[in-house]
């Protein structure tokens, strides 16, 4: 236990609930997302959102609330039972595929609420208020896949020790800061934990308080709901979770204030744009022994062929 913990503070409630916003329109992946939610785009043979739910479960969060919208019904179907398919696979004796089909429906207790209109991440989180109540909760964004559950488990631990809210931070290149919410931070007595003193949503390179960017993992104190209720639309005309967290950096600890950051140690995959999505699929495929052996010779030949083409101008 770190030395700066207030020993007089009563124990904080445990984090047991995860909120997964999944109501976005996925416009960057049109036309693929015209009828298929972007969260259901496959990473090899498993939809991206299943990796997110698996991370929540591995972190001890078995109560998962999906914030969905119209045309997102296939997400609900994926985490439900598929009896006809299961019967067909069982009749064929296809044990492995039967196991994979049942895996998603057995993962967690999954609930759903609709975000009536896309009004930003802050509004999506506000949609979870009735389900979460007065309990701290985790928020996991489906665009970010994290290599292991270690990051989220550490964030939950920091919340348990210190209270307040916790964000995941990753150092990015200066030209990338405008893509993220960026934090001004101060060191603590723990190497991987910082105190967040300021937050700016998608700043210009000149306005960024640092290169520490918030990525898609949060552990929020329930005090965030009261703040979100009075948070006006910010950048892009949306209610920004970053703006609410900024207010909590200036709020007393006994009122649910204080924001800490946990620094990412490990691999993060961004599936929010086409190039990074393709990189993620390739990386995950090469982690699979059943695919890597076949893909590696092909990839070497593919790269070599294109190198020759770049050098000679012909294939």
Protein backbone atom coordinates (compact mmCIF):
# COMPACT_ATOMS: atom_id res chain seq x y z
CA UNK A 1 0.00 0.00 0.00
CA UNK A 2 1.41 3.37 -1.00
CA UNK A 3 2.47 5.85 1.65
CA UNK A 4 0.18 8.68 0.49
CA UNK A 5 -3.06 6.80 1.13
CA UNK A 6 -5.35 8.54 3.60
CA UNK A 7 -5.70 5.93 6.31
CA UNK A 8 -8.74 7.76 7.74
CA UNK A 9 -10.73 7.54 4.51
CA UNK A 10 -13.43 4.85 4.64
CA UNK A 11 -12.98 1.89 2.27
CA UNK A 12 -14.15 2.64 -1.24
CA UNK A 13 -16.81 0.42 -2.83
CA UNK A 14 -15.54 -2.29 -5.13
CA UNK A 15 -15.68 -1.84 -8.90
CA UNK A 16 -17.93 -4.60 -10.22
CA UNK A 17 -19.62 -3.06 -13.29
CA UNK A 18 -18.30 -2.29 -16.74
CA UNK A 19 -19.87 0.12 -19.23
CA UNK A 20 -19.11 -0.36 -22.93
CA UNK A 21 -20.29 2.50 -25.19
CA UNK A 22 -21.22 1.01 -28.56
CA UNK A 23 -23.64 3.50 -30.11
CA UNK A 24 -21.35 5.18 -32.64
CA UNK A 25 -22.21 5.25 -36.32
CA UNK A 26 -18.86 3.91 -37.53
CA UNK A 27 -18.70 6.35 -40.42
CA UNK A 28 -14.97 5.82 -40.98
CA UNK A 29 -15.68 2.24 -42.04
CA UNK A 30 -18.53 2.86 -44.47
CA UNK A 31 -19.91 1.11 -46.41
CA UNK A 32 -19.03 -1.95 -44.28
CA UNK A 33 -20.78 -0.40 -41.27
CA UNK A 34 -23.97 0.55 -43.13
CA UNK A 35 -25.65 -2.60 -41.79
CA UNK A 36 -22.95 -4.05 -39.50
CA UNK A 37 -21.92 -2.30 -36.27
CA UNK A 38 -18.25 -1.34 -36.29
CA UNK A 39 -17.91 -3.15 -32.96
CA UNK A 40 -18.81 -6.39 -34.78
CA UNK A 41 -16.05 -6.11 -37.37
CA UNK A 42 -13.92 -9.23 -36.91
CA UNK A 43 -10.41 -9.37 -35.58
CA UNK A 44 -9.59 -12.60 -37.42
CA UNK A 45 -12.66 -14.65 -36.37
CA UNK A 46 -13.92 -12.85 -33.28
CA UNK A 47 -15.68 -9.46 -33.21
CA UNK A 48 -13.71 -6.64 -31.65
CA UNK A 49 -16.27 -6.07 -28.92
CA UNK A 50 -15.86 -9.61 -27.61
CA UNK A 51 -12.20 -8.91 -26.82
CA UNK A 52 -13.36 -5.89 -24.80
CA UNK A 53 -15.88 -7.92 -22.80
CA UNK A 54 -13.27 -10.61 -22.20
CA UNK A 55 -10.91 -7.97 -20.79
CA UNK A 56 -13.63 -6.76 -18.43
CA UNK A 57 -14.30 -10.29 -17.22
CA UNK A 58 -10.60 -11.02 -16.74
CA UNK A 59 -10.49 -7.90 -14.57
CA UNK A 60 -13.26 -9.27 -12.35
CA UNK A 61 -16.14 -7.30 -13.93
CA UNK A 62 -18.91 -9.73 -14.80
CA UNK A 63 -21.73 -7.15 -14.97
CA UNK A 64 -21.44 -5.45 -18.38
CA UNK A 65 -23.73 -2.71 -19.69
CA UNK A 66 -23.66 -2.02 -23.42
CA UNK A 67 -24.71 1.46 -24.54
CA UNK A 68 -26.13 0.77 -27.99
CA UNK A 69 -28.19 2.51 -30.63
CA UNK A 70 -30.44 1.70 -33.54
CA UNK A 71 -29.03 -0.90 -35.96
CA UNK A 72 -26.92 -2.47 -33.20
CA UNK A 73 -29.13 -5.52 -32.69
CA UNK A 74 -26.43 -7.90 -33.91
CA UNK A 75 -24.37 -7.07 -30.79
CA UNK A 76 -27.19 -8.36 -28.61
CA UNK A 77 -27.55 -11.43 -30.82
CA UNK A 78 -23.84 -12.17 -30.54
CA UNK A 79 -23.90 -12.30 -26.74
CA UNK A 80 -27.17 -14.29 -26.71
CA UNK A 81 -27.64 -18.03 -27.23
CA UNK A 82 -27.95 -19.31 -30.82
CA UNK A 83 -29.90 -22.49 -30.20
CA UNK A 84 -30.43 -23.58 -33.81
CA UNK A 85 -26.73 -23.14 -34.58
CA UNK A 86 -25.71 -24.94 -31.40
CA UNK A 87 -28.00 -27.88 -32.18
CA UNK A 88 -26.59 -28.12 -35.71
CA UNK A 89 -22.98 -28.07 -34.50
CA UNK A 90 -23.74 -30.57 -31.74
CA UNK A 91 -25.36 -32.93 -34.25
CA UNK A 92 -22.23 -32.77 -36.41
CA UNK A 93 -19.98 -33.38 -33.42
CA UNK A 94 -18.16 -30.11 -34.09
CA UNK A 95 -17.07 -29.63 -30.48
CA UNK A 96 -14.55 -26.84 -31.12
CA UNK A 97 -16.92 -24.57 -33.03
CA UNK A 98 -19.71 -25.32 -30.57
CA UNK A 99 -17.44 -24.19 -27.75
CA UNK A 100 -16.56 -20.95 -29.57
CA UNK A 101 -20.24 -20.18 -30.25
CA UNK A 102 -21.23 -20.71 -26.63
CA UNK A 103 -18.25 -18.78 -25.31
CA UNK A 104 -19.67 -15.33 -26.03
CA UNK A 105 -23.06 -16.05 -24.41
CA UNK A 106 -21.43 -17.48 -21.28
CA UNK A 107 -18.89 -14.68 -20.78
CA UNK A 108 -20.77 -12.25 -18.57
CA UNK A 109 -24.13 -10.91 -17.51
CA UNK A 110 -24.67 -8.44 -20.34
CA UNK A 111 -27.29 -5.68 -20.19
CA UNK A 112 -28.30 -3.13 -22.81
CA UNK A 113 -29.57 0.44 -22.90
CA UNK A 114 -30.02 2.61 -25.97
CA UNK A 115 -28.49 6.02 -26.45
CA UNK A 116 -31.31 7.75 -28.33
CA UNK A 117 -29.01 10.07 -30.25
CA UNK A 118 -25.22 10.26 -30.62
CA UNK A 119 -24.31 13.15 -28.30
CA UNK A 120 -20.79 12.16 -27.32
CA UNK A 121 -19.01 9.84 -24.92
CA UNK A 122 -20.10 11.84 -21.88
CA UNK A 123 -23.75 11.42 -22.83
CA UNK A 124 -23.22 7.69 -23.48
CA UNK A 125 -21.76 7.30 -19.99
CA UNK A 126 -24.68 9.27 -18.55
CA UNK A 127 -27.01 6.65 -20.06
CA UNK A 128 -25.50 4.15 -17.60
CA UNK A 129 -26.55 6.08 -14.50
CA UNK A 130 -29.67 4.05 -13.68
CA UNK A 131 -27.79 0.78 -14.00
CA UNK A 132 -24.65 1.85 -12.14
CA UNK A 133 -26.27 3.88 -9.36
CA UNK A 134 -23.92 5.05 -6.60
CA UNK A 135 -21.17 2.57 -7.48
CA UNK A 136 -17.81 3.17 -9.14
CA UNK A 137 -17.60 1.62 -12.59
CA UNK A 138 -15.23 0.98 -15.48
CA UNK A 139 -15.68 2.34 -19.00
CA UNK A 140 -14.12 0.38 -21.88
CA UNK A 141 -14.16 1.78 -25.41
CA UNK A 142 -14.42 -0.76 -28.19
CA UNK A 143 -11.95 1.05 -30.48
CA UNK A 144 -9.08 0.23 -28.12
CA UNK A 145 -7.96 -3.35 -27.63
CA UNK A 146 -5.44 -3.83 -24.83
CA UNK A 147 -3.01 -6.74 -24.95
CA UNK A 148 -3.81 -7.96 -21.43
CA UNK A 149 -6.18 -7.12 -18.60
CA UNK A 150 -3.26 -5.96 -16.45
CA UNK A 151 -3.92 -2.28 -17.22
CA UNK A 152 -7.58 -2.34 -16.17
CA UNK A 153 -6.82 -4.44 -13.10
CA UNK A 154 -4.19 -1.90 -12.07
CA UNK A 155 -6.64 0.97 -12.59
CA UNK A 156 -9.20 -0.77 -10.37
CA UNK A 157 -6.51 -1.27 -7.74
CA UNK A 158 -5.58 2.44 -7.83
CA UNK A 159 -9.24 3.37 -7.47
CA UNK A 160 -9.55 1.02 -4.48
CA UNK A 161 -6.51 2.56 -2.79
CA UNK A 162 -7.15 6.24 -3.52
CA UNK A 163 -10.80 6.71 -4.49
CA UNK A 164 -11.69 9.24 -7.18
CA UNK A 165 -11.47 8.41 -10.86
CA UNK A 166 -8.68 6.82 -12.89
CA UNK A 167 -7.77 7.15 -16.58
CA UNK A 168 -5.39 5.15 -18.74
CA UNK A 169 -2.60 7.24 -20.27
CA UNK A 170 -0.31 6.54 -23.20
CA UNK A 171 2.50 8.78 -24.46
CA UNK A 172 1.92 9.72 -28.10
CA UNK A 173 3.90 11.59 -30.73
CA UNK A 174 3.38 15.39 -30.84
CA UNK A 175 1.55 15.19 -34.17
CA UNK A 176 -1.00 12.80 -32.64
CA UNK A 177 -2.10 14.82 -29.60
CA UNK A 178 -4.98 16.42 -31.52
CA UNK A 179 -6.60 12.98 -31.77
CA UNK A 180 -6.95 12.48 -28.01
CA UNK A 181 -7.82 14.05 -24.72
CA UNK A 182 -4.46 15.04 -23.23
CA UNK A 183 -3.50 15.37 -19.57
CA UNK A 184 -1.19 17.52 -17.49
CA UNK A 185 0.26 15.23 -14.84
CA UNK A 186 2.33 15.25 -11.68
CA UNK A 187 4.32 12.27 -10.38
CA UNK A 188 3.28 10.30 -7.32
CA UNK A 189 5.20 7.88 -5.16
CA UNK A 190 4.27 5.09 -7.61
CA UNK A 191 6.18 4.74 -10.87
CA UNK A 192 3.16 3.89 -13.01
CA UNK A 193 0.67 6.29 -11.37
CA UNK A 194 0.36 10.07 -11.84
CA UNK A 195 -1.98 12.74 -10.58
CA UNK A 196 -3.97 14.43 -13.34
CA UNK A 197 -4.12 18.21 -12.89
CA UNK A 198 -5.56 19.33 -16.23
CA UNK A 199 -7.30 17.81 -19.26
CA UNK A 200 -7.82 19.18 -22.77
CA UNK A 201 -9.97 17.40 -25.35
CA UNK A 202 -8.23 17.07 -28.74
CA UNK A 203 -5.90 20.05 -28.35
CA UNK A 204 -3.71 21.48 -31.05
CA UNK A 205 -0.04 20.59 -30.82
CA UNK A 206 0.67 24.00 -29.30
CA UNK A 207 -2.17 23.81 -26.75
CA UNK A 208 -1.51 20.27 -25.53
CA UNK A 209 -0.53 20.19 -21.82
CA UNK A 210 1.64 17.11 -22.45
CA UNK A 211 2.01 14.10 -24.73
CA UNK A 212 0.12 11.90 -22.26
CA UNK A 213 -3.10 10.93 -24.00
CA UNK A 214 -6.17 9.28 -22.52
CA UNK A 215 -6.93 5.97 -24.18
CA UNK A 216 -10.17 4.05 -23.96
CA UNK A 217 -10.12 2.81 -20.36
CA UNK A 218 -11.59 4.71 -17.41
CA UNK A 219 -12.60 3.91 -13.86
CA UNK A 220 -15.11 6.52 -12.76
CA UNK A 221 -16.42 7.63 -9.41
CA UNK A 222 -20.24 7.91 -9.49
CA UNK A 223 -19.79 11.64 -8.83
CA UNK A 224 -19.15 11.89 -12.57
CA UNK A 225 -22.90 11.56 -13.24
CA UNK A 226 -23.80 14.76 -11.39
CA UNK A 227 -21.08 16.60 -13.27
CA UNK A 228 -22.18 15.20 -16.64
CA UNK A 229 -25.74 16.38 -16.01
CA UNK A 230 -24.53 19.98 -16.00
CA UNK A 231 -21.71 19.66 -18.55
CA UNK A 232 -22.56 21.69 -21.67
CA UNK A 233 -21.71 20.39 -25.13
CA UNK A 234 -18.04 20.94 -25.89
CA UNK A 235 -15.85 20.22 -28.89
CA UNK A 236 -17.91 18.92 -31.79
CA UNK A 237 -21.15 19.85 -30.07
CA UNK A 238 -20.91 16.72 -27.93
CA UNK A 239 -20.92 16.17 -24.18
CA UNK A 240 -17.33 15.20 -23.45
CA UNK A 241 -16.35 12.85 -20.66
CA UNK A 242 -13.00 14.68 -20.62
CA UNK A 243 -14.75 17.91 -19.57
CA UNK A 244 -16.47 16.17 -16.65
CA UNK A 245 -13.21 14.55 -15.52
CA UNK A 246 -11.54 17.97 -15.67
CA UNK A 247 -14.07 19.26 -13.14
CA UNK A 248 -13.40 16.24 -10.95
CA UNK A 249 -9.68 17.12 -10.87
CA UNK A 250 -10.78 20.27 -9.01
CA UNK A 251 -13.31 18.56 -6.73
CA UNK A 252 -12.65 17.56 -3.13
CA UNK A 253 -11.86 13.86 -2.53
CA UNK A 254 -14.74 13.53 -0.09
CA UNK A 255 -17.07 14.62 -2.92
CA UNK A 256 -15.74 12.00 -5.33
CA UNK A 257 -13.05 14.21 -6.79
CA UNK A 258 -9.47 13.53 -7.74
CA UNK A 259 -8.27 11.95 -10.98
CA UNK A 260 -5.23 9.73 -11.33
CA UNK A 261 -3.65 8.24 -14.39
CA UNK A 262 -2.16 4.81 -14.86
CA UNK A 263 0.59 4.74 -17.49
CA UNK A 264 0.21 2.04 -20.13
CA UNK A 265 2.83 -0.68 -19.95
CA UNK A 266 2.06 -2.99 -22.84
CA UNK A 267 0.50 -3.10 -26.26
CA UNK A 268 -2.59 -1.16 -27.28
CA UNK A 269 -4.34 -1.72 -30.60
CA UNK A 270 -6.36 1.08 -32.18
CA UNK A 271 -9.13 -0.31 -34.38
CA UNK A 272 -10.76 3.08 -34.91
CA UNK A 273 -9.25 3.72 -38.33
CA UNK A 274 -8.71 1.51 -41.36
CA UNK A 275 -4.92 1.27 -41.38
CA UNK A 276 -4.65 0.47 -37.67
CA UNK A 277 -7.54 -1.97 -37.93
CA UNK A 278 -5.69 -3.89 -40.64
CA UNK A 279 -2.49 -3.87 -38.57
CA UNK A 280 -4.46 -5.25 -35.63
CA UNK A 281 -5.93 -8.09 -37.69
CA UNK A 282 -2.49 -9.01 -39.02
CA UNK A 283 -0.90 -8.90 -35.56
CA UNK A 284 -3.65 -11.04 -34.00
CA UNK A 285 -3.47 -13.51 -36.89
CA UNK A 286 0.25 -14.01 -36.36
CA UNK A 287 -0.40 -14.74 -32.68
CA UNK A 288 -2.42 -17.77 -33.76
CA UNK A 289 -0.33 -20.93 -34.24
CA UNK A 290 -3.01 -22.32 -36.58
CA UNK A 291 -2.57 -19.32 -38.90
CA UNK A 292 0.99 -18.06 -38.44
CA UNK A 293 2.66 -21.09 -40.05
CA UNK A 294 0.68 -20.58 -43.25
CA UNK A 295 0.74 -16.78 -43.28
CA UNK A 296 4.42 -16.14 -42.57
CA UNK A 297 5.81 -17.52 -45.88
CA UNK A 298 3.08 -15.68 -47.79
CA UNK A 299 3.85 -12.40 -46.03
CA UNK A 300 7.58 -12.71 -46.67
CA UNK A 301 6.93 -13.34 -50.36
CA UNK A 302 4.41 -10.48 -50.50
CA UNK A 303 6.86 -7.99 -48.94
CA UNK A 304 9.72 -9.19 -51.14
CA UNK A 305 7.61 -8.87 -54.28
CA UNK A 306 6.61 -5.31 -53.42
CA UNK A 307 10.19 -4.39 -52.52
CA UNK A 308 11.28 -5.56 -55.97
CA UNK A 309 8.46 -3.59 -57.54
CA UNK A 310 9.49 -0.42 -55.67
CA UNK A 311 13.10 -0.85 -56.80
CA UNK A 312 12.42 -1.68 -60.44
CA UNK A 313 9.02 -0.16 -61.10
CA UNK A 314 7.68 -3.50 -62.30
CA UNK A 315 6.48 -6.70 -60.59
